[in-house]
Amino acid sequence: MEDLGNLIDLYAQWHAHLLPYYSFEQFVEKVESLGASKRVR
């Protein structure tokens, strides 16, 4: 469970540096949609 918390903290830090004007939920949705695109696959 501690590893999951560390991973979420890492994503939160990434969010703060990459897209600080998005809410964390918006950031997660954006990352999920980009990760599912053919361009990334």
N, C-alpha and C. Protein backbone atom coordinates (compact mmCIF):
# COMPACT_ATOMS: atom_id res chain seq x y z
N MET A 1 0.82 -1.19 0.00
CA MET A 1 0.00 0.00 0.00
C MET A 1 0.87 1.26 0.00
N GLU A 2 2.02 1.16 0.65
CA GLU A 2 2.93 2.30 0.69
C GLU A 2 3.45 2.64 -0.70
N ASP A 3 3.70 1.60 -1.51
CA ASP A 3 4.17 1.82 -2.87
C ASP A 3 3.14 2.59 -3.70
N LEU A 4 1.87 2.27 -3.50
CA LEU A 4 0.81 2.98 -4.22
C LEU A 4 0.80 4.45 -3.83
N GLY A 5 0.95 4.72 -2.56
CA GLY A 5 1.01 6.11 -2.09
C GLY A 5 2.18 6.85 -2.69
N ASN A 6 3.33 6.17 -2.78
CA ASN A 6 4.51 6.79 -3.39
C ASN A 6 4.28 7.08 -4.87
N LEU A 7 3.61 6.16 -5.56
CA LEU A 7 3.32 6.36 -6.98
C LEU A 7 2.37 7.53 -7.18
N ILE A 8 1.36 7.63 -6.35
CA ILE A 8 0.41 8.75 -6.45
C ILE A 8 1.12 10.06 -6.16
N ASP A 9 2.02 10.08 -5.18
CA ASP A 9 2.80 11.28 -4.89
C ASP A 9 3.66 11.68 -6.09
N LEU A 10 4.23 10.70 -6.75
CA LEU A 10 5.05 10.96 -7.93
C LEU A 10 4.21 11.59 -9.04
N TYR A 11 3.01 11.05 -9.27
CA TYR A 11 2.12 11.63 -10.28
C TYR A 11 1.70 13.04 -9.89
N ALA A 12 1.47 13.28 -8.60
CA ALA A 12 1.08 14.61 -8.14
C ALA A 12 2.21 15.62 -8.38
N GLN A 13 3.44 15.22 -8.16
CA GLN A 13 4.58 16.10 -8.42
C GLN A 13 4.72 16.36 -9.92
N TRP A 14 4.54 15.32 -10.72
CA TRP A 14 4.60 15.46 -12.18
C TRP A 14 3.53 16.44 -12.65
N HIS A 15 2.33 16.30 -12.10
CA HIS A 15 1.22 17.18 -12.43
C HIS A 15 1.57 18.63 -12.09
N ALA A 16 2.14 18.86 -10.91
CA ALA A 16 2.46 20.22 -10.47
C ALA A 16 3.48 20.89 -11.39
N HIS A 17 4.37 20.12 -11.97
CA HIS A 17 5.38 20.69 -12.86
C HIS A 17 4.91 20.79 -14.30
N LEU A 18 4.10 19.85 -14.73
CA LEU A 18 3.72 19.78 -16.14
C LEU A 18 2.51 20.65 -16.47
N LEU A 19 1.43 20.49 -15.73
CA LEU A 19 0.19 21.22 -16.00
C LEU A 19 -0.42 21.72 -14.68
N PRO A 20 0.20 22.70 -14.03
CA PRO A 20 -0.29 23.14 -12.72
C PRO A 20 -1.66 23.82 -12.77
N TYR A 21 -2.07 24.28 -13.94
CA TYR A 21 -3.35 24.97 -14.07
C TYR A 21 -4.52 24.00 -14.24
N TYR A 22 -4.26 22.71 -14.38
CA TYR A 22 -5.30 21.68 -14.41
C TYR A 22 -5.50 21.16 -13.00
N SER A 23 -6.71 20.74 -12.69
CA SER A 23 -6.91 20.01 -11.44
C SER A 23 -6.24 18.64 -11.60
N PHE A 24 -5.99 17.96 -10.49
CA PHE A 24 -5.34 16.65 -10.59
C PHE A 24 -6.22 15.69 -11.38
N GLU A 25 -7.54 15.77 -11.20
CA GLU A 25 -8.45 14.89 -11.94
C GLU A 25 -8.37 15.16 -13.44
N GLN A 26 -8.31 16.43 -13.82
CA GLN A 26 -8.19 16.77 -15.24
C GLN A 26 -6.87 16.25 -15.80
N PHE A 27 -5.82 16.36 -15.01
CA PHE A 27 -4.50 15.88 -15.42
C PHE A 27 -4.53 14.38 -15.67
N VAL A 28 -5.15 13.63 -14.75
CA VAL A 28 -5.23 12.18 -14.90
C VAL A 28 -6.01 11.82 -16.15
N GLU A 29 -7.13 12.50 -16.38
CA GLU A 29 -7.93 12.23 -17.58
C GLU A 29 -7.12 12.51 -18.85
N LYS A 30 -6.36 13.61 -18.85
CA LYS A 30 -5.55 13.96 -20.02
C LYS A 30 -4.47 12.91 -20.27
N VAL A 31 -3.80 12.49 -19.21
CA VAL A 31 -2.75 11.47 -19.35
C VAL A 31 -3.34 10.16 -19.84
N GLU A 32 -4.50 9.77 -19.32
CA GLU A 32 -5.15 8.54 -19.76
C GLU A 32 -5.52 8.62 -21.24
N SER A 33 -6.07 9.76 -21.67
CA SER A 33 -6.48 9.87 -23.07
C SER A 33 -5.26 9.89 -23.99
N LEU A 34 -4.19 10.56 -23.58
CA LEU A 34 -2.98 10.56 -24.41
C LEU A 34 -2.33 9.19 -24.45
N GLY A 35 -2.36 8.48 -23.34
CA GLY A 35 -1.78 7.15 -23.28
C GLY A 35 -2.53 6.14 -24.14
N ALA A 36 -3.80 6.41 -24.39
CA ALA A 36 -4.61 5.49 -25.18
C ALA A 36 -4.54 5.82 -26.68
N SER A 37 -3.90 6.92 -27.03
CA SER A 37 -3.86 7.31 -28.44
C SER A 37 -2.87 6.45 -29.22
N LYS A 38 -3.12 6.33 -30.51
CA LYS A 38 -2.24 5.53 -31.37
C LYS A 38 -0.85 6.13 -31.46
N ARG A 39 -0.77 7.43 -31.32
CA ARG A 39 0.51 8.12 -31.42
C ARG A 39 1.48 7.67 -30.32
N VAL A 40 0.96 7.40 -29.13
CA VAL A 40 1.79 6.99 -28.00
C VAL A 40 2.06 5.50 -28.04
N ARG A 41 1.09 4.73 -28.47
CA ARG A 41 1.25 3.28 -28.51
C ARG A 41 2.30 2.94 -29.50
